[in-house]
Amino acid sequence: MNILSRVTPTDFLPTFYSMPDPSVLAGLTKTLGDISAKTSNYMATYGLTNSIVGYHPWGNSRYNGLQVQVNKRYSNNFSYILAYTWSHNFDDSTATNFSTILSPRRAQDFQNLRAEWASSALDRRHRFTFTPIYDFKPFQNGNWMMKNVIGNWSVSGTYTFQSPEYATVQSGVDSNLNGDSAGDRAIINPAGSANIGSGVTGYNAAGQVSTGSDIVAYVANNSSARYIVAGKGARSNGGRNTFPLDHTNNFDVSLTKRINITERFRFDIGAQAFNLFNHAQFVGGYLNDVNPYSTASISRAFLVPSSSSFGAYNQGTPDIGFFPSNSRALQLVAHFVF
């Protein structure tokens, strides 16, 4: 609560998408050492030399939505529900307790929560579902054997299409020099190729590569990258939640056989298939479970532009965990109703 970002909108080291002319570097007088020498603890003069940490009950959100639903009433053994939702969810504090690596658990500037305002990690712009139910009931006027052995089948399913969750690309270094790298964003090159990342190289005023306090500017290692690491002392321009994961394109189906023993007693057996067509869907969690995916199971490397695993949330490379593909799952069920 008492720590400032040393990097400000007027005091930062520039980042170039490609190597500038030597005269440009020679004209830069602000160094990493100059910015690092600034105080970040504005209460140190009062004897509070350590960081003061607390969980503020602060947060803002706004949800706008439009819902449309069509219901076909049950007739001729068939019914369905068709629904569509358009929505836009904004907030500034989705996950403050490290429930996901997709959104930083702290603001990159501790003193400016408002700067976190962006489309929420919970935002799903489009959601379409179609749920049909059909009962196969021949021989309704036949004997018990014909009705319950040949007939009394029920088939139902749900098709879901949903916009993807968006993750926050992070530099992985303490870019703004406030002692914390968890929330520091990257630099976005609007002309860069989507989902391509790049690290940076520091240069001093003499045009020499540097990793020390004499750095005056950074240059992207890949000028065609969309996402570029903001080096120490650089100012990021990237917001929260700009990197899309997979959209949901899923169909679940259930087949149930009903055996009526008497008017009061019934026995149902059936099979359920989740993700029937086995579409790989790396959605950042589970399709059929509300539990969050464990943050300990995956690495944040796929969100850091300088990493060789940048963007590889669905690859499962050796140095990075990956999200589940939500492959097809089958389940047998039995119910006794009385």
Protein backbone atom coordinates (compact mmCIF):
# COMPACT_ATOMS: atom_id res chain seq x y z
CA MET A 1 0.00 0.00 0.00
CA ASN A 2 2.97 2.33 0.39
CA ILE A 3 4.94 1.40 -2.73
CA LEU A 4 5.04 3.54 -5.86
CA SER A 5 6.04 2.60 -9.38
CA ARG A 6 9.31 4.26 -10.28
CA VAL A 7 8.29 4.21 -13.94
CA THR A 8 5.74 6.90 -14.79
CA PRO A 9 4.14 8.16 -18.03
CA THR A 10 6.84 10.86 -18.18
CA ASP A 11 9.81 8.98 -16.75
CA PHE A 12 10.67 5.72 -18.53
CA LEU A 13 13.05 4.11 -20.99
CA PRO A 14 11.80 3.85 -24.58
CA THR A 15 11.36 0.56 -26.41
CA PHE A 16 11.92 0.48 -30.17
CA TYR A 17 10.36 -2.16 -32.41
CA SER A 18 13.49 -2.12 -34.60
CA MET A 19 17.04 -0.82 -34.21
CA PRO A 20 17.04 3.00 -34.31
CA ASP A 21 19.73 5.21 -35.80
CA PRO A 22 22.79 5.53 -33.50
CA SER A 23 22.12 9.25 -33.17
CA VAL A 24 18.79 8.49 -31.55
CA LEU A 25 20.45 6.40 -28.83
CA ALA A 26 23.17 9.00 -28.40
CA GLY A 27 20.54 11.65 -27.69
CA LEU A 28 18.95 9.70 -24.82
CA THR A 29 20.14 10.85 -21.42
CA LYS A 30 17.82 9.00 -19.05
CA THR A 31 19.35 5.70 -17.84
CA LEU A 32 18.06 2.68 -15.97
CA GLY A 33 20.25 3.76 -13.07
CA ASP A 34 18.52 7.13 -12.90
CA ILE A 35 15.06 5.57 -12.67
CA SER A 36 16.18 2.87 -10.23
CA ALA A 37 17.60 5.52 -7.90
CA LYS A 38 14.17 7.04 -7.33
CA THR A 39 12.43 6.13 -4.09
CA SER A 40 9.49 3.76 -4.34
CA ASN A 41 8.38 3.89 -0.70
CA TYR A 42 6.70 7.23 -0.14
CA MET A 43 6.28 6.50 3.59
CA ALA A 44 9.90 5.63 4.29
CA THR A 45 10.52 9.14 5.64
CA TYR A 46 8.03 8.34 8.40
CA GLY A 47 9.93 5.24 9.47
CA LEU A 48 7.76 2.74 7.58
CA THR A 49 10.62 1.21 5.64
CA ASN A 50 8.96 -2.16 4.95
CA SER A 51 6.16 -2.84 2.54
CA ILE A 52 2.68 -2.55 4.04
CA VAL A 53 0.53 -5.36 2.67
CA GLY A 54 -3.24 -5.64 2.92
CA TYR A 55 -6.28 -6.91 1.06
CA HIS A 56 -8.50 -3.98 0.21
CA PRO A 57 -12.21 -4.67 -0.26
CA TRP A 58 -12.06 -2.72 -3.49
CA GLY A 59 -13.13 -3.61 -6.99
CA ASN A 60 -15.34 -2.39 -9.78
CA SER A 61 -17.24 -4.19 -12.50
CA ARG A 62 -19.89 -3.56 -15.11
CA TYR A 63 -21.92 -6.11 -17.01
CA ASN A 64 -24.03 -5.42 -20.10
CA GLY A 65 -25.98 -8.23 -21.67
CA LEU A 66 -28.72 -9.18 -24.10
CA GLN A 67 -30.43 -12.56 -23.84
CA VAL A 68 -32.71 -14.23 -26.35
CA GLN A 69 -34.37 -17.60 -25.80
CA VAL A 70 -36.71 -19.75 -27.90
CA ASN A 71 -38.62 -22.62 -26.30
CA LYS A 72 -40.46 -25.32 -28.22
CA ARG A 73 -43.02 -26.83 -25.93
CA TYR A 74 -43.13 -30.59 -25.68
CA SER A 75 -45.26 -32.01 -28.52
CA ASN A 76 -44.98 -35.10 -30.66
CA ASN A 77 -42.37 -36.35 -28.19
CA PHE A 78 -40.02 -33.48 -29.04
CA SER A 79 -38.96 -30.20 -27.43
CA TYR A 80 -35.97 -27.90 -27.46
CA ILE A 81 -34.50 -24.75 -25.95
CA LEU A 82 -32.43 -22.38 -28.08
CA ALA A 83 -30.63 -19.55 -26.31
CA TYR A 84 -28.19 -16.80 -27.25
CA THR A 85 -26.46 -14.28 -24.99
CA TRP A 86 -24.41 -11.30 -26.05
CA SER A 87 -22.61 -9.69 -23.15
CA HIS A 88 -19.64 -7.56 -22.24
CA ASN A 89 -18.16 -7.75 -18.76
CA PHE A 90 -15.68 -5.13 -17.55
CA ASP A 91 -13.75 -5.08 -14.28
CA ASP A 92 -10.48 -4.07 -12.66
CA SER A 93 -9.86 -6.96 -10.24
CA THR A 94 -10.86 -10.44 -11.38
CA ALA A 95 -8.55 -12.68 -9.37
CA THR A 96 -6.89 -11.12 -6.35
CA ASN A 97 -6.13 -14.41 -4.58
CA PHE A 98 -4.17 -16.24 -7.32
CA SER A 99 -7.04 -18.46 -8.43
CA THR A 100 -5.74 -18.36 -12.00
CA ILE A 101 -2.49 -17.54 -13.79
CA LEU A 102 -4.41 -16.06 -16.71
CA SER A 103 -4.98 -12.80 -14.84
CA PRO A 104 -2.37 -11.25 -12.51
CA ARG A 105 -3.42 -11.33 -8.86
CA ARG A 106 -2.16 -7.79 -8.26
CA ALA A 107 -2.36 -4.53 -10.13
CA GLN A 108 0.85 -3.57 -11.91
CA ASP A 109 0.65 -0.13 -10.26
CA PHE A 110 -0.38 -0.56 -6.63
CA GLN A 111 -1.56 3.06 -6.46
CA ASN A 112 -3.69 3.03 -9.60
CA LEU A 113 -6.38 0.35 -9.61
CA ARG A 114 -8.37 2.28 -12.18
CA ALA A 115 -5.66 1.62 -14.76
CA GLU A 116 -6.62 -2.08 -14.54
CA TRP A 117 -10.06 -1.39 -16.06
CA ALA A 118 -10.51 -3.69 -19.06
CA SER A 119 -12.63 -6.51 -20.41
CA SER A 120 -12.90 -9.03 -17.62
CA ALA A 121 -11.35 -12.49 -17.62
CA LEU A 122 -14.95 -13.57 -17.00
CA ASP A 123 -16.13 -11.93 -20.21
CA ARG A 124 -17.67 -14.26 -22.83
CA ARG A 125 -18.91 -12.02 -25.60
CA HIS A 126 -21.07 -14.60 -27.37
CA ARG A 127 -22.73 -17.73 -26.03
CA PHE A 128 -25.11 -19.93 -28.03
CA THR A 129 -26.74 -23.13 -26.80
CA PHE A 130 -29.17 -25.56 -28.37
CA THR A 131 -30.74 -28.31 -26.24
CA PRO A 132 -33.09 -30.77 -27.99
CA ILE A 133 -34.94 -33.63 -26.28
CA TYR A 134 -36.70 -36.45 -28.13
CA ASP A 135 -38.58 -39.36 -26.59
CA PHE A 136 -38.96 -42.53 -28.68
CA LYS A 137 -42.26 -44.03 -27.53
CA PRO A 138 -43.73 -46.53 -29.99
CA PHE A 139 -46.38 -49.02 -28.93
CA GLN A 140 -47.84 -46.69 -26.33
CA ASN A 141 -51.06 -48.66 -26.56
CA GLY A 142 -49.29 -52.02 -26.69
CA ASN A 143 -48.51 -54.45 -23.94
CA TRP A 144 -45.94 -53.86 -21.18
CA MET A 145 -43.20 -55.75 -23.02
CA MET A 146 -43.54 -53.77 -26.26
CA LYS A 147 -43.67 -50.39 -24.48
CA ASN A 148 -40.75 -50.97 -22.12
CA VAL A 149 -38.35 -53.12 -24.13
CA ILE A 150 -38.69 -51.63 -27.61
CA GLY A 151 -39.92 -48.17 -26.62
CA ASN A 152 -39.29 -45.70 -23.82
CA TRP A 153 -36.00 -44.28 -25.09
CA SER A 154 -35.00 -40.67 -24.52
CA VAL A 155 -32.29 -38.81 -26.42
CA SER A 156 -31.12 -35.37 -25.36
CA GLY A 157 -28.13 -33.19 -26.03
CA THR A 158 -26.66 -29.73 -25.67
CA TYR A 159 -24.58 -27.89 -28.24
CA THR A 160 -22.58 -24.94 -26.89
CA PHE A 161 -20.59 -22.32 -28.75
CA GLN A 162 -18.89 -19.71 -26.58
CA SER A 163 -16.35 -16.95 -27.09
CA PRO A 164 -12.92 -17.64 -25.56
CA GLU A 165 -11.47 -16.53 -22.28
CA TYR A 166 -8.77 -13.88 -22.67
CA ALA A 167 -5.51 -13.97 -20.74
CA THR A 168 -3.12 -11.18 -19.78
CA VAL A 169 0.29 -11.14 -21.43
CA GLN A 170 2.95 -10.37 -18.83
CA SER A 171 6.58 -9.31 -19.17
CA GLY A 172 7.78 -11.59 -16.39
CA VAL A 173 10.13 -8.90 -15.04
CA ASP A 174 9.70 -5.96 -12.70
CA SER A 175 9.22 -3.49 -15.53
CA ASN A 176 7.95 -0.55 -13.47
CA LEU A 177 10.51 -1.11 -10.70
CA ASN A 178 8.05 -1.30 -7.82
CA GLY A 179 9.53 -4.52 -6.44
CA ASP A 180 6.91 -6.84 -7.93
CA SER A 181 6.84 -8.56 -11.32
CA ALA A 182 3.50 -10.37 -10.94
CA GLY A 183 1.36 -7.82 -12.70
CA ASP A 184 3.66 -6.07 -15.17
CA ARG A 185 2.22 -6.08 -18.67
CA ALA A 186 3.97 -6.29 -22.00
CA ILE A 187 4.31 -3.79 -24.84
CA ILE A 188 1.91 -4.22 -27.75
CA ASN A 189 3.08 -3.53 -31.28
CA PRO A 190 -0.15 -2.85 -33.25
CA ALA A 191 1.58 -3.73 -36.51
CA GLY A 192 2.99 -7.01 -35.21
CA SER A 193 1.80 -10.51 -36.03
CA ALA A 194 -0.90 -11.80 -33.71
CA ASN A 195 0.19 -14.10 -30.89
CA ILE A 196 3.92 -13.66 -31.68
CA GLY A 197 6.15 -12.62 -28.80
CA SER A 198 9.61 -11.17 -28.46
CA GLY A 199 12.18 -10.37 -25.82
CA VAL A 200 14.25 -7.19 -25.85
CA THR A 201 17.91 -6.18 -25.80
CA GLY A 202 19.14 -3.22 -23.79
CA TYR A 203 21.47 -0.60 -25.31
CA ASN A 204 23.48 2.25 -23.81
CA ALA A 205 23.94 5.69 -25.35
CA ALA A 206 27.01 4.50 -27.26
CA GLY A 207 24.89 1.93 -29.10
CA GLN A 208 26.40 -1.00 -27.24
CA VAL A 209 24.46 -3.93 -25.84
CA SER A 210 24.11 -3.56 -22.09
CA THR A 211 22.54 -5.31 -19.14
CA GLY A 212 23.61 -2.72 -16.58
CA SER A 213 22.45 0.59 -15.17
CA ASP A 214 23.60 2.50 -18.28
CA ILE A 215 20.76 1.20 -20.45
CA VAL A 216 18.95 4.06 -22.18
CA ALA A 217 16.60 2.09 -24.43
CA TYR A 218 15.43 -1.37 -25.41
CA VAL A 219 15.04 -2.86 -28.89
CA ALA A 220 12.70 -5.74 -29.70
CA ASN A 221 14.50 -8.89 -30.83
CA ASN A 222 11.70 -9.58 -33.29
CA SER A 223 10.31 -6.46 -34.95
CA SER A 224 7.27 -8.34 -36.29
CA ALA A 225 6.07 -9.52 -32.87
CA ARG A 226 2.76 -8.29 -31.50
CA TYR A 227 3.80 -8.71 -27.85
CA ILE A 228 7.15 -7.41 -26.59
CA VAL A 229 8.65 -7.65 -23.12
CA ALA A 230 8.81 -4.37 -21.22
CA GLY A 231 12.33 -4.38 -19.81
CA LYS A 232 13.25 -2.89 -16.44
CA GLY A 233 12.47 0.80 -16.52
CA ALA A 234 10.35 0.52 -19.67
CA ARG A 235 6.67 1.45 -19.74
CA SER A 236 4.19 -1.13 -20.97
CA ASN A 237 1.16 -0.16 -23.01
CA GLY A 238 -0.60 -3.52 -22.90
CA GLY A 239 -3.83 -3.93 -21.00
CA ARG A 240 -5.38 -6.88 -19.23
CA ASN A 241 -6.92 -9.80 -21.09
CA THR A 242 -5.82 -9.36 -24.70
CA PHE A 243 -4.65 -12.91 -25.51
CA PRO A 244 -7.42 -15.37 -26.53
CA LEU A 245 -7.53 -19.04 -25.60
CA ASP A 246 -9.73 -21.51 -27.51
CA HIS A 247 -13.42 -20.91 -27.95
CA THR A 248 -15.91 -23.53 -26.80
CA ASN A 249 -17.39 -25.71 -29.55
CA ASN A 250 -18.93 -28.59 -27.70
CA PHE A 251 -21.71 -31.15 -27.99
CA ASP A 252 -22.88 -33.37 -25.15
CA VAL A 253 -25.44 -36.14 -25.62
CA SER A 254 -27.37 -38.49 -23.37
CA LEU A 255 -29.24 -41.70 -24.23
CA THR A 256 -31.60 -43.09 -21.58
CA LYS A 257 -33.68 -46.28 -21.49
CA ARG A 258 -36.68 -46.10 -19.19
CA ILE A 259 -38.37 -49.20 -17.79
CA ASN A 260 -41.64 -48.60 -16.01
CA ILE A 261 -42.14 -51.31 -13.41
CA THR A 262 -45.39 -49.91 -12.04
CA GLU A 263 -46.98 -46.48 -12.04
CA ARG A 264 -44.89 -45.59 -9.00
CA PHE A 265 -41.63 -47.38 -9.70
CA ARG A 266 -39.28 -46.85 -12.62
CA PHE A 267 -35.76 -47.94 -13.51
CA ASP A 268 -33.59 -45.84 -15.86
CA ILE A 269 -30.30 -46.80 -17.39
CA GLY A 270 -28.31 -44.67 -19.78
CA ALA A 271 -25.07 -43.40 -21.23
CA GLN A 272 -23.76 -39.86 -21.42
CA ALA A 273 -21.05 -38.56 -23.75
CA PHE A 274 -19.35 -35.27 -22.99
CA ASN A 275 -17.62 -33.63 -25.98
CA LEU A 276 -19.12 -36.27 -28.26
CA PHE A 277 -17.07 -35.31 -31.33
CA ASN A 278 -13.84 -35.09 -29.32
CA HIS A 279 -13.00 -31.52 -30.31
CA ALA A 280 -9.82 -30.36 -28.58
CA GLN A 281 -10.87 -27.33 -26.55
CA PHE A 282 -8.14 -25.65 -24.51
CA VAL A 283 -10.46 -23.22 -22.76
CA GLY A 284 -8.43 -22.60 -19.61
CA GLY A 285 -10.50 -24.95 -17.48
CA TYR A 286 -13.07 -27.71 -17.71
CA LEU A 287 -16.12 -27.87 -19.93
CA ASN A 288 -18.30 -29.81 -17.51
CA ASP A 289 -16.97 -28.83 -14.10
CA VAL A 290 -17.17 -25.52 -12.27
CA ASN A 291 -13.95 -26.17 -10.36
CA PRO A 292 -11.01 -23.97 -11.48
CA TYR A 293 -7.99 -25.57 -13.09
CA SER A 294 -5.09 -25.84 -10.65
CA THR A 295 -2.64 -22.95 -10.90
CA ALA A 296 0.12 -25.36 -9.81
CA SER A 297 -0.43 -27.51 -12.90
CA ILE A 298 0.77 -25.03 -15.49
CA SER A 299 3.52 -22.50 -15.97
CA ARG A 300 3.06 -18.81 -16.72
CA ALA A 301 5.69 -19.06 -19.46
CA PHE A 302 3.15 -19.14 -22.29
CA LEU A 303 2.12 -15.59 -21.29
CA VAL A 304 5.68 -14.18 -21.33
CA PRO A 305 6.70 -12.92 -24.82
CA SER A 306 10.40 -13.77 -24.38
CA SER A 307 9.65 -17.42 -23.60
CA SER A 308 10.07 -20.10 -26.25
CA SER A 309 6.71 -21.40 -25.01
CA PHE A 310 4.88 -18.12 -25.61
CA GLY A 311 1.35 -18.87 -26.75
CA ALA A 312 1.84 -22.62 -26.30
CA TYR A 313 -0.98 -23.16 -23.81
CA ASN A 314 -2.15 -26.09 -25.95
CA GLN A 315 1.18 -27.71 -26.82
CA GLY A 316 2.35 -29.41 -23.64
CA THR A 317 6.03 -28.71 -24.30
CA PRO A 318 8.52 -30.15 -21.78
CA ASP A 319 9.11 -26.87 -19.94
CA ILE A 320 5.47 -25.96 -19.55
CA GLY A 321 2.30 -27.56 -18.31
CA PHE A 322 -0.76 -27.11 -20.44
CA PHE A 323 -4.51 -26.88 -20.09
CA PRO A 324 -6.66 -29.97 -20.56
CA SER A 325 -8.01 -30.53 -24.08
CA ASN A 326 -11.31 -31.69 -22.60
CA SER A 327 -11.29 -34.88 -24.61
CA ARG A 328 -14.38 -37.03 -24.91
CA ALA A 329 -15.66 -38.56 -21.67
CA LEU A 330 -18.23 -41.35 -21.38
CA GLN A 331 -20.37 -42.05 -18.35
CA LEU A 332 -22.90 -44.77 -17.50
CA VAL A 333 -25.79 -43.91 -15.25
CA ALA A 334 -28.61 -45.79 -13.51
CA HIS A 335 -31.59 -44.42 -11.60
CA PHE A 336 -34.25 -46.13 -9.56
CA VAL A 337 -37.25 -43.86 -9.13
CA PHE A 338 -39.86 -44.57 -6.49
